[in-house]
Amino acid sequence: MSDCLFCRMIAGEIPADVVLQTDRVFAFRDINPQAPTHVLVIPKEHHATVGALAADDAGLLGEVVAGAHAVALQEGLVTDGGAEPGYRLVTNTGPQAGQSVHHVHFHVLGGRRMEWPPG
């Protein structure tokens, strides 16, 4: 989609600090980080929400989640076994949840203790 910010980043029209890329997954540092490590992981295909992606291509959804874990490993947030210290994986779906870019994306957050509820 030519008007989608993330599609334009994938196309190289808008610069991104890319940390991981596969044939179908793209990950880059958030420009407004909420934690010491804050990386967005997205499918290269445009899907507006996680529900749309799950309905259209559940395999790609799995690749995006695997990409998020690969980012966590690469950034030193977890070890190969998925052990401590850990990371948070967040996606927002729809305007009431705070989704501001309508291209499904997962936030990989880590590098500090994550409290719930956030405060």
N, C-alpha and C. Protein backbone atom coordinates (compact mmCIF):
# COMPACT_ATOMS: atom_id res chain seq x y z
N MET A 1 0.84 -1.18 0.00
CA MET A 1 0.00 0.00 0.00
C MET A 1 0.88 1.24 0.00
N SER A 2 0.71 2.09 -0.96
CA SER A 2 1.60 3.23 -1.13
C SER A 2 1.49 4.27 -0.03
N ASP A 3 0.38 4.33 0.68
CA ASP A 3 0.22 5.32 1.74
C ASP A 3 0.55 4.76 3.13
N CYS A 4 0.92 3.50 3.23
CA CYS A 4 1.24 2.88 4.51
C CYS A 4 2.70 3.16 4.87
N LEU A 5 2.91 3.76 6.04
CA LEU A 5 4.24 4.09 6.52
C LEU A 5 5.16 2.88 6.51
N PHE A 6 4.69 1.75 7.05
CA PHE A 6 5.55 0.57 7.15
C PHE A 6 5.82 -0.04 5.78
N CYS A 7 4.84 -0.04 4.89
CA CYS A 7 5.08 -0.54 3.53
C CYS A 7 6.14 0.30 2.83
N ARG A 8 6.11 1.61 3.07
CA ARG A 8 7.10 2.50 2.47
C ARG A 8 8.49 2.26 3.07
N MET A 9 8.55 1.89 4.34
CA MET A 9 9.84 1.55 4.96
C MET A 9 10.40 0.28 4.33
N ILE A 10 9.54 -0.72 4.16
CA ILE A 10 9.96 -1.98 3.55
C ILE A 10 10.48 -1.74 2.14
N ALA A 11 9.82 -0.85 1.41
CA ALA A 11 10.21 -0.52 0.03
C ALA A 11 11.48 0.33 -0.04
N GLY A 12 11.97 0.81 1.10
CA GLY A 12 13.17 1.63 1.13
C GLY A 12 12.90 3.11 0.84
N GLU A 13 11.64 3.50 0.81
CA GLU A 13 11.28 4.91 0.55
C GLU A 13 11.47 5.78 1.78
N ILE A 14 11.39 5.17 2.95
CA ILE A 14 11.58 5.86 4.23
C ILE A 14 12.67 5.09 4.98
N PRO A 15 13.68 5.78 5.50
CA PRO A 15 14.76 5.07 6.18
C PRO A 15 14.27 4.39 7.46
N ALA A 16 14.92 3.27 7.77
CA ALA A 16 14.64 2.51 8.98
C ALA A 16 15.94 1.94 9.51
N ASP A 17 16.04 1.83 10.83
CA ASP A 17 17.19 1.19 11.46
C ASP A 17 16.87 -0.30 11.58
N VAL A 18 17.16 -1.02 10.51
CA VAL A 18 16.77 -2.43 10.38
C VAL A 18 17.66 -3.30 11.26
N VAL A 19 17.04 -4.20 12.03
CA VAL A 19 17.79 -5.11 12.89
C VAL A 19 17.64 -6.56 12.45
N LEU A 20 16.62 -6.87 11.65
CA LEU A 20 16.42 -8.23 11.16
C LEU A 20 15.53 -8.17 9.93
N GLN A 21 15.86 -9.02 8.96
CA GLN A 21 15.05 -9.08 7.76
C GLN A 21 15.12 -10.49 7.17
N THR A 22 13.96 -11.03 6.84
CA THR A 22 13.88 -12.30 6.13
C THR A 22 13.08 -12.06 4.86
N ASP A 23 12.76 -13.13 4.15
CA ASP A 23 11.95 -12.98 2.94
C ASP A 23 10.59 -12.38 3.25
N ARG A 24 10.05 -12.65 4.47
CA ARG A 24 8.68 -12.22 4.76
C ARG A 24 8.52 -11.38 6.03
N VAL A 25 9.61 -11.14 6.74
CA VAL A 25 9.55 -10.41 8.01
C VAL A 25 10.58 -9.28 8.00
N PHE A 26 10.21 -8.16 8.62
CA PHE A 26 11.04 -6.96 8.66
C PHE A 26 11.00 -6.43 10.09
N ALA A 27 12.16 -6.14 10.68
CA ALA A 27 12.22 -5.63 12.05
C ALA A 27 13.14 -4.42 12.10
N PHE A 28 12.70 -3.40 12.84
CA PHE A 28 13.45 -2.15 12.90
C PHE A 28 13.23 -1.48 14.26
N ARG A 29 14.18 -0.63 14.63
CA ARG A 29 14.11 0.07 15.91
C ARG A 29 13.01 1.13 15.87
N ASP A 30 12.27 1.23 16.98
CA ASP A 30 11.22 2.23 17.11
C ASP A 30 11.87 3.61 17.23
N ILE A 31 11.30 4.62 16.57
CA ILE A 31 11.87 5.96 16.63
C ILE A 31 11.53 6.68 17.94
N ASN A 32 10.59 6.12 18.71
CA ASN A 32 10.22 6.69 20.00
C ASN A 32 10.23 5.57 21.04
N PRO A 33 11.43 5.06 21.38
CA PRO A 33 11.51 3.86 22.23
C PRO A 33 10.92 4.06 23.61
N GLN A 34 10.21 3.02 24.08
CA GLN A 34 9.61 3.01 25.39
C GLN A 34 10.39 2.14 26.37
N ALA A 35 11.49 1.58 25.92
CA ALA A 35 12.37 0.74 26.73
C ALA A 35 13.76 0.79 26.10
N PRO A 36 14.81 0.37 26.81
CA PRO A 36 16.14 0.37 26.22
C PRO A 36 16.21 -0.39 24.89
N THR A 37 15.48 -1.48 24.78
CA THR A 37 15.32 -2.18 23.51
C THR A 37 13.86 -2.06 23.12
N HIS A 38 13.61 -1.48 21.95
CA HIS A 38 12.24 -1.35 21.43
C HIS A 38 12.32 -1.50 19.92
N VAL A 39 11.94 -2.68 19.46
CA VAL A 39 12.02 -3.03 18.05
C VAL A 39 10.62 -3.41 17.57
N LEU A 40 10.25 -2.94 16.39
CA LEU A 40 8.99 -3.33 15.77
C LEU A 40 9.25 -4.45 14.79
N VAL A 41 8.41 -5.48 14.82
CA VAL A 41 8.53 -6.63 13.92
C VAL A 41 7.23 -6.71 13.13
N ILE A 42 7.35 -6.73 11.80
CA ILE A 42 6.17 -6.67 10.93
C ILE A 42 6.29 -7.68 9.80
N PRO A 43 5.14 -8.09 9.24
CA PRO A 43 5.20 -8.87 8.01
C PRO A 43 5.46 -7.91 6.85
N LYS A 44 6.18 -8.37 5.84
CA LYS A 44 6.41 -7.52 4.67
C LYS A 44 5.13 -7.33 3.87
N GLU A 45 4.24 -8.29 3.91
CA GLU A 45 2.93 -8.13 3.28
C GLU A 45 2.07 -7.24 4.16
N HIS A 46 1.25 -6.42 3.54
CA HIS A 46 0.37 -5.54 4.31
C HIS A 46 -0.84 -6.31 4.83
N HIS A 47 -1.01 -6.29 6.14
CA HIS A 47 -2.19 -6.80 6.84
C HIS A 47 -2.48 -5.76 7.91
N ALA A 48 -3.69 -5.26 7.98
CA ALA A 48 -4.00 -4.15 8.88
C ALA A 48 -3.91 -4.52 10.35
N THR A 49 -4.36 -5.71 10.72
CA THR A 49 -4.40 -6.09 12.14
C THR A 49 -3.91 -7.52 12.31
N VAL A 50 -3.67 -7.90 13.56
CA VAL A 50 -3.25 -9.26 13.85
C VAL A 50 -4.36 -10.25 13.49
N GLY A 51 -5.62 -9.85 13.68
CA GLY A 51 -6.75 -10.70 13.31
C GLY A 51 -6.80 -10.94 11.81
N ALA A 52 -6.55 -9.88 11.03
CA ALA A 52 -6.54 -10.02 9.58
C ALA A 52 -5.39 -10.94 9.14
N LEU A 53 -4.23 -10.78 9.76
CA LEU A 53 -3.09 -11.63 9.42
C LEU A 53 -3.38 -13.08 9.79
N ALA A 54 -3.95 -13.33 10.96
CA ALA A 54 -4.27 -14.69 11.38
C ALA A 54 -5.25 -15.34 10.42
N ALA A 55 -6.23 -14.58 9.95
CA ALA A 55 -7.23 -15.12 9.03
C ALA A 55 -6.65 -15.36 7.64
N ASP A 56 -5.76 -14.46 7.19
CA ASP A 56 -5.22 -14.53 5.83
C ASP A 56 -4.05 -15.49 5.69
N ASP A 57 -3.17 -15.54 6.72
CA ASP A 57 -1.95 -16.33 6.58
C ASP A 57 -1.38 -16.64 7.97
N ALA A 58 -1.94 -17.65 8.61
CA ALA A 58 -1.50 -18.01 9.96
C ALA A 58 -0.02 -18.39 9.98
N GLY A 59 0.48 -18.95 8.90
CA GLY A 59 1.90 -19.30 8.83
C GLY A 59 2.79 -18.07 8.91
N LEU A 60 2.38 -17.00 8.23
CA LEU A 60 3.14 -15.75 8.29
C LEU A 60 3.09 -15.16 9.69
N LEU A 61 1.94 -15.27 10.36
CA LEU A 61 1.85 -14.81 11.74
C LEU A 61 2.89 -15.53 12.60
N GLY A 62 3.01 -16.83 12.40
CA GLY A 62 4.03 -17.59 13.12
C GLY A 62 5.43 -17.12 12.80
N GLU A 63 5.68 -16.78 11.54
CA GLU A 63 7.00 -16.27 11.15
C GLU A 63 7.30 -14.93 11.82
N VAL A 64 6.29 -14.08 11.94
CA VAL A 64 6.48 -12.78 12.60
C VAL A 64 6.82 -12.99 14.07
N VAL A 65 6.10 -13.88 14.74
CA VAL A 65 6.39 -14.16 16.16
C VAL A 65 7.78 -14.77 16.29
N ALA A 66 8.15 -15.68 15.40
CA ALA A 66 9.50 -16.25 15.42
C ALA A 66 10.54 -15.16 15.18
N GLY A 67 10.23 -14.22 14.30
CA GLY A 67 11.12 -13.10 14.06
C GLY A 67 11.29 -12.24 15.30
N ALA A 68 10.20 -12.04 16.04
CA ALA A 68 10.28 -11.28 17.28
C ALA A 68 11.20 -11.98 18.28
N HIS A 69 11.08 -13.30 18.37
CA HIS A 69 11.96 -14.02 19.28
C HIS A 69 13.42 -13.95 18.81
N ALA A 70 13.63 -14.02 17.50
CA ALA A 70 14.98 -13.90 16.96
C ALA A 70 15.58 -12.53 17.30
N VAL A 71 14.78 -11.49 17.25
CA VAL A 71 15.23 -10.16 17.65
C VAL A 71 15.62 -10.16 19.13
N ALA A 72 14.78 -10.77 19.97
CA ALA A 72 15.08 -10.84 21.40
C ALA A 72 16.41 -11.56 21.66
N LEU A 73 16.65 -12.63 20.93
CA LEU A 73 17.93 -13.34 21.05
C LEU A 73 19.08 -12.45 20.60
N GLN A 74 18.92 -11.85 19.44
CA GLN A 74 19.97 -11.00 18.86
C GLN A 74 20.30 -9.81 19.77
N GLU A 75 19.28 -9.27 20.44
CA GLU A 75 19.47 -8.10 21.30
C GLU A 75 19.90 -8.48 22.71
N GLY A 76 20.03 -9.79 22.98
CA GLY A 76 20.49 -10.25 24.28
C GLY A 76 19.43 -10.20 25.37
N LEU A 77 18.16 -10.18 24.97
CA LEU A 77 17.07 -10.14 25.95
C LEU A 77 16.77 -11.52 26.52
N VAL A 78 17.10 -12.56 25.78
CA VAL A 78 16.93 -13.95 26.22
C VAL A 78 18.09 -14.76 25.69
N THR A 79 18.23 -15.98 26.22
CA THR A 79 19.23 -16.92 25.74
C THR A 79 18.56 -17.90 24.80
N ASP A 80 19.31 -18.80 24.22
CA ASP A 80 18.76 -19.79 23.28
C ASP A 80 17.60 -20.57 23.85
N GLY A 81 17.63 -20.85 25.13
CA GLY A 81 16.54 -21.59 25.76
C GLY A 81 15.35 -20.73 26.11
N GLY A 82 15.42 -19.44 25.83
CA GLY A 82 14.32 -18.53 26.14
C GLY A 82 14.29 -18.10 27.59
N ALA A 83 15.43 -18.27 28.27
CA ALA A 83 15.47 -17.98 29.71
C ALA A 83 15.67 -16.50 29.99
N GLU A 84 15.79 -16.20 31.26
CA GLU A 84 15.96 -14.85 31.79
C GLU A 84 16.93 -14.05 30.94
N PRO A 85 16.85 -12.74 30.95
CA PRO A 85 15.93 -11.94 31.73
C PRO A 85 14.54 -11.81 31.12
N GLY A 86 14.38 -11.79 29.82
CA GLY A 86 13.05 -11.78 29.22
C GLY A 86 12.73 -10.53 28.43
N TYR A 87 11.56 -10.55 27.80
CA TYR A 87 11.11 -9.43 26.99
C TYR A 87 9.59 -9.43 26.94
N ARG A 88 9.05 -8.31 26.53
CA ARG A 88 7.60 -8.17 26.36
C ARG A 88 7.33 -8.08 24.86
N LEU A 89 6.29 -8.79 24.43
CA LEU A 89 5.85 -8.75 23.03
C LEU A 89 4.42 -8.22 23.04
N VAL A 90 4.21 -7.07 22.39
CA VAL A 90 2.93 -6.36 22.42
C VAL A 90 2.46 -6.05 21.02
N THR A 91 1.16 -6.24 20.78
CA THR A 91 0.55 -5.73 19.57
C THR A 91 -0.75 -5.05 19.94
N ASN A 92 -1.05 -3.97 19.27
CA ASN A 92 -2.29 -3.22 19.49
C ASN A 92 -3.18 -3.44 18.27
N THR A 93 -4.44 -3.72 18.49
CA THR A 93 -5.37 -3.98 17.40
C THR A 93 -6.55 -3.03 17.50
N GLY A 94 -6.63 -2.09 16.58
CA GLY A 94 -7.73 -1.14 16.53
C GLY A 94 -7.46 0.13 17.31
N PRO A 95 -8.25 1.15 17.04
CA PRO A 95 -8.02 2.46 17.65
C PRO A 95 -8.18 2.48 19.17
N GLN A 96 -9.11 1.72 19.73
CA GLN A 96 -9.27 1.72 21.19
C GLN A 96 -8.07 1.10 21.89
N ALA A 97 -7.33 0.26 21.20
CA ALA A 97 -6.15 -0.36 21.79
C ALA A 97 -4.89 0.48 21.55
N GLY A 98 -5.03 1.55 20.77
CA GLY A 98 -3.89 2.43 20.52
C GLY A 98 -3.13 2.13 19.25
N GLN A 99 -3.72 1.35 18.33
CA GLN A 99 -3.02 1.08 17.06
C GLN A 99 -3.02 2.36 16.23
N SER A 100 -1.83 2.87 15.94
CA SER A 100 -1.73 4.13 15.20
C SER A 100 -1.28 3.93 13.76
N VAL A 101 -0.60 2.83 13.47
CA VAL A 101 -0.24 2.48 12.10
C VAL A 101 -1.00 1.21 11.77
N HIS A 102 -1.78 1.25 10.71
CA HIS A 102 -2.66 0.13 10.38
C HIS A 102 -1.97 -0.87 9.45
N HIS A 103 -0.84 -1.35 9.94
CA HIS A 103 -0.07 -2.46 9.37
C HIS A 103 0.35 -3.23 10.61
N VAL A 104 -0.12 -4.47 10.74
CA VAL A 104 0.12 -5.21 11.98
C VAL A 104 1.61 -5.16 12.35
N HIS A 105 1.86 -4.90 13.62
CA HIS A 105 3.24 -4.85 14.10
C HIS A 105 3.29 -5.27 15.56
N PHE A 106 4.38 -5.92 15.89
CA PHE A 106 4.64 -6.37 17.25
C PHE A 106 5.79 -5.55 17.80
N HIS A 107 5.64 -5.09 19.03
CA HIS A 107 6.70 -4.37 19.74
C HIS A 107 7.47 -5.37 20.58
N VAL A 108 8.76 -5.45 20.39
CA VAL A 108 9.65 -6.23 21.25
C VAL A 108 10.28 -5.22 22.20
N LEU A 109 9.95 -5.36 23.48
CA LEU A 109 10.41 -4.42 24.50
C LEU A 109 11.23 -5.15 25.55
N GLY A 110 12.34 -4.58 25.92
CA GLY A 110 13.17 -5.21 26.95
C GLY A 110 14.32 -4.32 27.36
N GLY A 111 15.17 -4.89 28.18
CA GLY A 111 16.34 -4.17 28.66
C GLY A 111 16.10 -3.50 30.01
N ARG A 112 14.90 -3.64 30.53
CA ARG A 112 14.58 -3.16 31.87
C ARG A 112 13.41 -3.98 32.39
N ARG A 113 13.16 -3.89 33.68
CA ARG A 113 12.02 -4.59 34.26
C ARG A 113 10.73 -3.97 33.74
N MET A 114 9.81 -4.79 33.26
CA MET A 114 8.55 -4.33 32.72
C MET A 114 7.47 -4.55 33.78
N GLU A 115 6.87 -3.48 34.23
CA GLU A 115 5.83 -3.55 35.24
C GLU A 115 4.45 -3.63 34.60
N TRP A 116 3.53 -4.26 35.29
CA TRP A 116 2.14 -4.28 34.84
C TRP A 116 1.24 -4.01 36.03
N PRO A 117 0.34 -3.11 35.97
CA PRO A 117 0.11 -2.25 34.82
C PRO A 117 1.22 -1.22 34.67
N PRO A 118 1.42 -0.75 33.41
CA PRO A 118 2.49 0.24 33.20
C PRO A 118 2.20 1.51 33.99
N GLY A 119 3.20 2.13 34.44
CA GLY A 119 2.96 3.31 35.24
C GLY A 119 4.11 4.15 35.33
